[in-house]
């Protein structure tokens, strides 16, 4: 007979099932990833495991080991790199003390918007923080919430900030995922071979196989004069260099098989940047895109007069339609090469049958908003 625990008098097996069920909920940094980037991505009103630990303190250790699937590190020390490293070291010691390394599935860094003082100094310590975290904890998912320029410096990419003022946004999100067999404490103490590509930047630290980029809303730019000429500040742009050459030379993400891209109200000229990036992912298999606000977003910016400003809502729908047309045409050009086989959209406000249906010859909609290359699908059967 199972022994009763102090967990409300329940058998230990039942208590473990309860804790395991509550621990299945996706952390907010993953669940809210498609939302408008902000510190709010790390906030949640639902904290079942924490509430449970406060109720049954004697069972805290078991709950503790399930409560840290995602750790969050916020750089609040301004330019003081030593303090930031000290805090991260304390976090890693906490993980080691309670043997949580195998439970940590994700690590999220939030770098507040701040002025870079001293050239590459801030870049150096941010990169050092990330490299240290991957060496000590080595999670499956690494998420960084920061300004586009900061993400660029961490990855040694130049970000053109000439039109940043027009977009009125300060924060983007970059999320990188590595295979589970590579993640974990057993792999964290040794150098991970990433194959071809640089090892002295973020993208070369691990063989990342999944990438999510959320650039937030471009809606503010629609209120400016000749908005269609504005250039989105982004890490996927080549910084003025010939974009395909720039990305191919870097070979930043040779292992990525799954790529997710979120940009609400994107400008069509930015679709060229996205297309060039996709062409430089030799292992790409699937693509996910979102160009309109998520259905579960806290607020619909398309109905928010303050967010709309002087923008004409019809311009947004026109440009969103054009963006999808451009993307579909580009898929037809290069998707016949390599292993790329699936495109999924999370936008349920777009009339895809009319927009991309006539363009995607050789593709089938297998399920709502999911297209697959017919020739590849047949070959796999």
Protein backbone atom coordinates (compact mmCIF):
# COMPACT_ATOMS: atom_id res chain seq x y z
CA UNK A 1 0.00 0.00 0.00
CA UNK A 2 1.27 3.43 -0.85
CA UNK A 3 2.39 5.47 2.10
CA UNK A 4 0.48 8.66 2.83
CA UNK A 5 2.45 11.84 2.54
CA UNK A 6 2.02 15.15 4.27
CA UNK A 7 0.71 16.48 0.98
CA UNK A 8 -2.83 16.92 2.31
CA UNK A 9 -2.82 13.29 3.41
CA UNK A 10 -2.78 12.05 -0.18
CA UNK A 11 -0.76 9.01 -1.31
CA UNK A 12 2.63 9.98 -2.74
CA UNK A 13 1.69 8.70 -6.23
CA UNK A 14 -1.43 10.85 -6.29
CA UNK A 15 0.52 13.89 -5.08
CA UNK A 16 3.09 13.38 -7.85
CA UNK A 17 0.34 13.18 -10.45
CA UNK A 18 -1.16 16.47 -9.23
CA UNK A 19 2.19 18.23 -9.32
CA UNK A 20 2.99 16.78 -12.74
CA UNK A 21 -0.36 17.89 -14.15
CA UNK A 22 0.09 21.45 -12.89
CA UNK A 23 3.64 21.53 -14.25
CA UNK A 24 2.47 20.74 -17.81
CA UNK A 25 1.23 24.28 -18.41
CA UNK A 26 3.51 26.17 -20.78
CA UNK A 27 5.53 28.93 -19.08
CA UNK A 28 4.41 32.46 -19.95
CA UNK A 29 7.66 33.19 -21.83
CA UNK A 30 6.68 30.43 -24.29
CA UNK A 31 2.91 30.80 -24.26
CA UNK A 32 3.05 34.57 -24.77
CA UNK A 33 5.83 34.49 -27.37
CA UNK A 34 3.55 35.61 -30.27
CA UNK A 35 2.32 38.63 -28.27
CA UNK A 36 3.65 42.18 -28.59
CA UNK A 37 7.18 42.05 -27.11
CA UNK A 38 7.47 43.58 -23.64
CA UNK A 39 8.35 42.62 -20.09
CA UNK A 40 4.72 41.49 -19.85
CA UNK A 41 5.76 38.37 -21.76
CA UNK A 42 7.20 37.18 -18.45
CA UNK A 43 4.12 37.90 -16.37
CA UNK A 44 1.22 35.58 -15.65
CA UNK A 45 -1.76 35.61 -13.31
CA UNK A 46 -1.74 31.81 -13.23
CA UNK A 47 0.84 30.40 -10.80
CA UNK A 48 -0.57 27.02 -9.77
CA UNK A 49 2.67 25.47 -8.50
CA UNK A 50 3.60 28.53 -6.45
CA UNK A 51 0.13 28.62 -4.90
CA UNK A 52 0.37 24.91 -4.16
CA UNK A 53 3.76 25.31 -2.47
CA UNK A 54 2.36 28.04 -0.23
CA UNK A 55 -0.47 25.72 0.81
CA UNK A 56 1.63 22.58 1.38
CA UNK A 57 4.99 23.88 2.52
CA UNK A 58 6.15 20.46 3.76
CA UNK A 59 6.01 19.19 0.18
CA UNK A 60 7.95 22.15 -1.13
CA UNK A 61 10.95 20.19 -2.46
CA UNK A 62 8.91 18.10 -4.91
CA UNK A 63 7.03 21.18 -6.09
CA UNK A 64 10.31 23.13 -6.30
CA UNK A 65 11.81 20.73 -8.82
CA UNK A 66 8.84 21.26 -11.14
CA UNK A 67 8.62 25.02 -10.70
CA UNK A 68 11.76 25.98 -12.58
CA UNK A 69 11.19 24.69 -16.09
CA UNK A 70 12.01 28.22 -17.27
CA UNK A 71 14.35 30.60 -15.46
CA UNK A 72 14.36 34.35 -16.00
CA UNK A 73 17.38 36.60 -15.69
CA UNK A 74 16.84 40.36 -15.87
CA UNK A 75 19.77 42.70 -16.30
CA UNK A 76 18.90 45.46 -13.85
CA UNK A 77 22.39 46.60 -12.99
CA UNK A 78 22.79 49.06 -15.86
CA UNK A 79 26.37 48.91 -17.10
CA UNK A 80 27.73 46.98 -14.11
CA UNK A 81 28.78 43.74 -15.78
CA UNK A 82 30.33 42.29 -12.61
CA UNK A 83 27.05 42.55 -10.69
CA UNK A 84 25.16 40.88 -13.53
CA UNK A 85 27.61 37.99 -13.66
CA UNK A 86 27.47 37.67 -9.88
CA UNK A 87 23.67 37.38 -9.96
CA UNK A 88 23.78 34.80 -12.74
CA UNK A 89 26.41 32.82 -10.85
CA UNK A 90 24.12 32.79 -7.79
CA UNK A 91 21.30 31.50 -9.98
CA UNK A 92 23.46 28.70 -11.34
CA UNK A 93 24.50 27.73 -7.79
CA UNK A 94 20.83 27.60 -6.78
CA UNK A 95 20.13 25.28 -9.70
CA UNK A 96 23.04 23.05 -8.72
CA UNK A 97 22.14 22.99 -5.01
CA UNK A 98 18.61 21.74 -5.61
CA UNK A 99 19.60 19.53 -8.57
CA UNK A 100 17.31 21.41 -10.94
CA UNK A 101 19.50 21.37 -14.06
CA UNK A 102 17.60 18.50 -15.67
CA UNK A 103 14.31 20.23 -14.94
CA UNK A 104 15.27 23.56 -16.52
CA UNK A 105 13.94 23.51 -20.08
CA UNK A 106 14.31 27.21 -20.85
CA UNK A 107 16.21 30.33 -19.86
CA UNK A 108 14.92 33.83 -20.59
CA UNK A 109 17.04 37.00 -20.51
CA UNK A 110 15.54 40.46 -20.40
CA UNK A 111 17.88 43.33 -21.24
CA UNK A 112 16.19 46.69 -20.53
CA UNK A 113 16.53 49.36 -23.18
CA UNK A 114 19.52 51.48 -22.30
CA UNK A 115 22.20 53.56 -23.98
CA UNK A 116 25.36 51.70 -24.81
CA UNK A 117 28.29 53.43 -23.16
CA UNK A 118 31.82 52.50 -23.99
CA UNK A 119 31.52 51.02 -27.47
CA UNK A 120 31.28 47.23 -27.37
CA UNK A 121 31.44 46.99 -23.59
CA UNK A 122 27.77 46.17 -23.12
CA UNK A 123 27.84 43.71 -25.99
CA UNK A 124 30.80 41.95 -24.42
CA UNK A 125 29.17 41.40 -21.04
CA UNK A 126 25.78 40.42 -22.51
CA UNK A 127 27.44 37.79 -24.64
CA UNK A 128 29.44 36.67 -21.62
CA UNK A 129 26.22 36.28 -19.63
CA UNK A 130 24.65 34.12 -22.32
CA UNK A 131 27.77 31.99 -22.82
CA UNK A 132 28.04 31.46 -19.05
CA UNK A 133 24.37 30.46 -18.80
CA UNK A 134 24.68 27.95 -21.62
CA UNK A 135 27.79 26.50 -20.01
CA UNK A 136 26.25 26.15 -16.55
CA UNK A 137 22.59 25.35 -17.27
CA UNK A 138 22.41 24.60 -20.99
CA UNK A 139 18.62 24.74 -21.50
CA UNK A 140 16.76 23.54 -24.57
CA UNK A 141 15.37 27.04 -25.21
CA UNK A 142 17.19 30.36 -24.86
CA UNK A 143 14.97 33.44 -25.15
CA UNK A 144 16.25 37.01 -25.25
CA UNK A 145 13.99 40.05 -24.90
CA UNK A 146 15.85 43.18 -25.93
CA UNK A 147 16.08 46.02 -28.42
CA UNK A 148 16.90 45.06 -32.01
CA UNK A 149 20.28 46.80 -31.74
CA UNK A 150 21.14 44.76 -28.64
CA UNK A 151 20.18 41.50 -30.36
CA UNK A 152 22.36 42.57 -33.26
CA UNK A 153 25.39 43.21 -31.07
CA UNK A 154 25.01 39.89 -29.25
CA UNK A 155 24.92 38.09 -32.58
CA UNK A 156 27.56 40.30 -34.22
CA UNK A 157 25.07 41.64 -36.75
CA UNK A 158 24.72 45.28 -37.71
CA UNK A 159 21.20 46.66 -37.24
CA UNK A 160 20.28 49.74 -39.25
CA UNK A 161 18.54 52.09 -36.77
CA UNK A 162 18.02 54.98 -39.19
CA UNK A 163 14.21 54.62 -39.15
CA UNK A 164 13.79 53.31 -35.61
CA UNK A 165 11.99 56.52 -34.61
CA UNK A 166 9.17 55.75 -37.05
CA UNK A 167 8.28 52.38 -35.56
CA UNK A 168 7.90 53.48 -31.97
CA UNK A 169 8.95 50.10 -30.64
CA UNK A 170 11.85 49.28 -28.40
CA UNK A 171 11.86 45.54 -27.81
CA UNK A 172 12.12 42.43 -29.98
CA UNK A 173 12.27 38.77 -28.99
CA UNK A 174 14.72 36.13 -30.19
CA UNK A 175 14.18 32.53 -29.09
CA UNK A 176 16.61 29.74 -29.99
CA UNK A 177 16.07 26.02 -29.43
CA UNK A 178 18.52 23.14 -29.44
CA UNK A 179 17.84 19.37 -29.48
CA UNK A 180 17.02 17.82 -26.13
CA UNK A 181 19.87 15.33 -26.42
CA UNK A 182 22.33 18.24 -26.69
CA UNK A 183 20.78 20.22 -23.82
CA UNK A 184 21.17 19.41 -20.14
CA UNK A 185 23.96 19.30 -17.56
CA UNK A 186 25.78 16.36 -19.16
CA UNK A 187 26.47 18.46 -22.24
CA UNK A 188 26.89 21.84 -20.57
CA UNK A 189 30.43 21.26 -19.34
CA UNK A 190 31.87 20.42 -22.74
CA UNK A 191 32.19 22.45 -25.89
CA UNK A 192 29.38 21.73 -28.31
CA UNK A 193 30.42 21.33 -31.93
CA UNK A 194 28.18 23.41 -34.17
CA UNK A 195 29.75 22.43 -37.45
CA UNK A 196 30.49 25.16 -40.00
CA UNK A 197 29.99 28.73 -38.85
CA UNK A 198 31.33 31.14 -36.25
CA UNK A 199 31.80 30.02 -32.65
CA UNK A 200 32.44 33.47 -31.19
CA UNK A 201 28.85 34.75 -31.40
CA UNK A 202 25.49 33.69 -30.01
CA UNK A 203 24.53 31.63 -33.06
CA UNK A 204 27.69 29.57 -32.91
CA UNK A 205 27.46 28.55 -29.25
CA UNK A 206 25.08 25.66 -29.87
CA UNK A 207 23.64 23.77 -32.87
CA UNK A 208 20.32 25.61 -32.77
CA UNK A 209 17.59 23.77 -34.69
CA UNK A 210 14.65 26.08 -33.96
CA UNK A 211 14.40 29.87 -34.11
CA UNK A 212 11.60 32.31 -33.32
CA UNK A 213 11.87 36.03 -34.06
CA UNK A 214 9.13 38.36 -32.85
CA UNK A 215 9.61 41.91 -34.09
CA UNK A 216 6.34 43.22 -32.71
CA UNK A 217 4.10 45.75 -34.39
CA UNK A 218 5.09 48.01 -37.26
CA UNK A 219 1.79 49.88 -37.05
CA UNK A 220 3.35 53.13 -35.80
CA UNK A 221 5.25 53.52 -39.08
CA UNK A 222 1.96 53.71 -40.99
CA UNK A 223 1.35 57.16 -39.44
CA UNK A 224 4.51 58.58 -41.01
CA UNK A 225 4.98 60.21 -44.40
CA UNK A 226 5.68 57.67 -47.15
CA UNK A 227 5.62 54.84 -44.61
CA UNK A 228 6.34 52.28 -47.34
CA UNK A 229 9.91 53.58 -47.62
CA UNK A 230 10.70 53.07 -43.93
CA UNK A 231 13.16 50.29 -43.10
CA UNK A 232 12.33 48.09 -40.14
CA UNK A 233 15.15 47.91 -37.54
CA UNK A 234 15.78 44.17 -37.52
CA UNK A 235 18.46 41.51 -37.09
CA UNK A 236 17.32 39.84 -40.33
CA UNK A 237 18.47 42.78 -42.43
CA UNK A 238 21.96 42.86 -43.89
CA UNK A 239 22.88 46.30 -42.59
CA UNK A 240 23.37 47.78 -46.04
CA UNK A 241 25.54 44.93 -47.33
CA UNK A 242 24.22 42.72 -50.16
CA UNK A 243 21.84 40.71 -48.06
CA UNK A 244 22.19 37.18 -49.48
CA UNK A 245 25.99 37.46 -49.55
CA UNK A 246 26.00 38.89 -46.04
CA UNK A 247 24.01 36.02 -44.57
CA UNK A 248 25.65 33.23 -46.55
CA UNK A 249 29.07 34.48 -45.55
CA UNK A 250 28.10 34.37 -41.89
CA UNK A 251 26.45 30.90 -42.08
CA UNK A 252 24.76 31.81 -38.84
CA UNK A 253 22.12 29.10 -38.51
CA UNK A 254 23.10 26.06 -40.59
CA UNK A 255 21.13 23.60 -38.42
CA UNK A 256 17.77 25.38 -38.16
CA UNK A 257 14.90 23.18 -39.34
CA UNK A 258 12.00 25.19 -37.88
CA UNK A 259 11.68 28.96 -38.20
CA UNK A 260 8.89 31.11 -36.74
CA UNK A 261 8.50 34.76 -37.63
CA UNK A 262 6.12 37.27 -36.04
CA UNK A 263 5.78 40.82 -37.35
CA UNK A 264 2.45 42.56 -36.92
CA UNK A 265 1.59 44.92 -39.79
CA UNK A 266 4.89 44.26 -41.63
CA UNK A 267 5.97 46.52 -44.45
CA UNK A 268 6.36 44.72 -47.79
CA UNK A 269 9.95 45.90 -48.23
CA UNK A 270 10.82 43.88 -45.13
CA UNK A 271 9.52 40.73 -46.85
CA UNK A 272 12.61 40.87 -49.06
CA UNK A 273 14.72 40.64 -45.91
CA UNK A 274 12.72 37.66 -44.66
CA UNK A 275 12.96 35.88 -48.01
CA UNK A 276 16.72 36.38 -48.18
CA UNK A 277 17.09 34.98 -44.67
CA UNK A 278 14.99 31.90 -45.44
CA UNK A 279 17.13 31.17 -48.50
CA UNK A 280 20.18 31.08 -46.25
CA UNK A 281 18.81 28.37 -43.93
CA UNK A 282 19.98 25.22 -45.72
CA UNK A 283 18.31 22.77 -43.30
CA UNK A 284 14.94 24.53 -43.13
CA UNK A 285 11.92 22.18 -43.10
CA UNK A 286 9.02 24.26 -41.79
CA UNK A 287 8.06 27.94 -41.56
CA UNK A 288 5.45 29.61 -39.32
CA UNK A 289 4.35 33.20 -39.89
CA UNK A 290 2.09 35.67 -38.10
CA UNK A 291 1.35 39.10 -39.57
CA UNK A 292 -1.83 40.06 -37.68
CA UNK A 293 -2.45 40.37 -33.91
CA UNK A 294 -2.86 37.06 -32.10
CA UNK A 295 -6.42 36.06 -31.35
CA UNK A 296 -5.66 35.72 -27.63
CA UNK A 297 -3.81 39.06 -27.42
CA UNK A 298 -4.70 41.21 -24.39
CA UNK A 299 -5.80 43.97 -26.75
CA UNK A 300 -6.43 44.27 -30.48
CA UNK A 301 -4.18 47.08 -31.69
CA UNK A 302 -6.23 47.33 -34.88
CA UNK A 303 -9.14 48.57 -32.77
CA UNK A 304 -7.02 50.76 -30.51
CA UNK A 305 -7.28 54.39 -31.63
CA UNK A 306 -4.15 55.37 -29.73
CA UNK A 307 -2.13 52.58 -31.36
CA UNK A 308 -3.51 53.39 -34.82
CA UNK A 309 -2.64 57.08 -34.58
CA UNK A 310 -2.94 58.62 -38.04
CA UNK A 311 -2.64 55.26 -39.79
CA UNK A 312 -5.25 54.25 -42.33
CA UNK A 313 -6.48 50.78 -41.43
CA UNK A 314 -7.02 49.99 -45.11
CA UNK A 315 -3.28 50.50 -45.71
CA UNK A 316 -2.50 47.80 -43.19
CA UNK A 317 -4.78 45.23 -44.84
CA UNK A 318 -3.45 46.13 -48.27
CA UNK A 319 0.17 45.77 -47.20
CA UNK A 320 -0.49 42.56 -45.23
CA UNK A 321 -2.09 41.04 -48.31
CA UNK A 322 0.85 42.10 -50.45
CA UNK A 323 3.29 40.70 -47.89
CA UNK A 324 1.68 37.27 -48.08
CA UNK A 325 1.59 37.40 -51.88
CA UNK A 326 5.32 38.20 -51.93
CA UNK A 327 6.10 35.42 -49.48
CA UNK A 328 4.05 32.85 -51.43
CA UNK A 329 5.74 33.79 -54.71
CA UNK A 330 9.15 33.53 -53.13
CA UNK A 331 8.33 30.11 -51.68
CA UNK A 332 7.53 28.95 -55.19
CA UNK A 333 10.96 30.09 -56.37
CA UNK A 334 13.25 28.50 -53.81
CA UNK A 335 11.22 25.93 -51.86
CA UNK A 336 11.75 23.25 -54.50
CA UNK A 337 15.32 22.92 -53.28
CA UNK A 338 16.37 21.26 -50.05
CA UNK A 339 14.06 19.77 -47.41
CA UNK A 340 11.60 22.62 -47.00
CA UNK A 341 8.09 21.18 -47.02
CA UNK A 342 5.63 23.01 -44.77
CA UNK A 343 4.33 26.54 -44.27
CA UNK A 344 1.88 27.39 -41.51
CA UNK A 345 0.21 30.73 -40.73
CA UNK A 346 -1.46 31.65 -37.45
CA UNK A 347 -3.45 34.47 -39.07
CA UNK A 348 -7.16 33.71 -39.25
CA UNK A 349 -8.14 37.17 -40.58
CA UNK A 350 -6.56 36.75 -44.01
CA UNK A 351 -8.43 35.32 -47.03
CA UNK A 352 -5.68 32.91 -47.99
CA UNK A 353 -7.68 31.06 -50.63
CA UNK A 354 -7.87 34.21 -52.71
CA UNK A 355 -4.38 35.51 -51.95
CA UNK A 356 -2.01 32.52 -52.03
CA UNK A 357 -4.22 29.76 -53.44
CA UNK A 358 -3.55 30.60 -57.11
CA UNK A 359 0.17 31.08 -56.40
CA UNK A 360 1.08 27.91 -54.51
CA UNK A 361 1.05 25.43 -57.38
CA UNK A 362 2.25 22.03 -56.19
CA UNK A 363 1.17 22.74 -52.63
CA UNK A 364 -1.87 21.45 -50.72
CA UNK A 365 -3.66 22.80 -47.66
CA UNK A 366 -3.49 19.72 -45.43
CA UNK A 367 -5.37 21.42 -42.61
CA UNK A 368 -6.57 24.98 -41.98
CA UNK A 369 -3.72 27.44 -42.59
CA UNK A 370 -1.16 24.66 -43.14
CA UNK A 371 0.33 24.08 -46.61
CA UNK A 372 2.62 21.24 -47.63
CA UNK A 373 4.57 20.57 -50.78
CA UNK A 374 2.71 17.79 -52.55
CA UNK A 375 5.77 16.15 -54.13
CA UNK A 376 7.59 15.90 -50.80
CA UNK A 377 4.49 14.69 -48.97
CA UNK A 378 3.98 11.91 -51.54
CA UNK A 379 7.60 10.84 -51.39
CA UNK A 380 7.35 10.36 -47.62
CA UNK A 381 4.43 7.96 -47.82
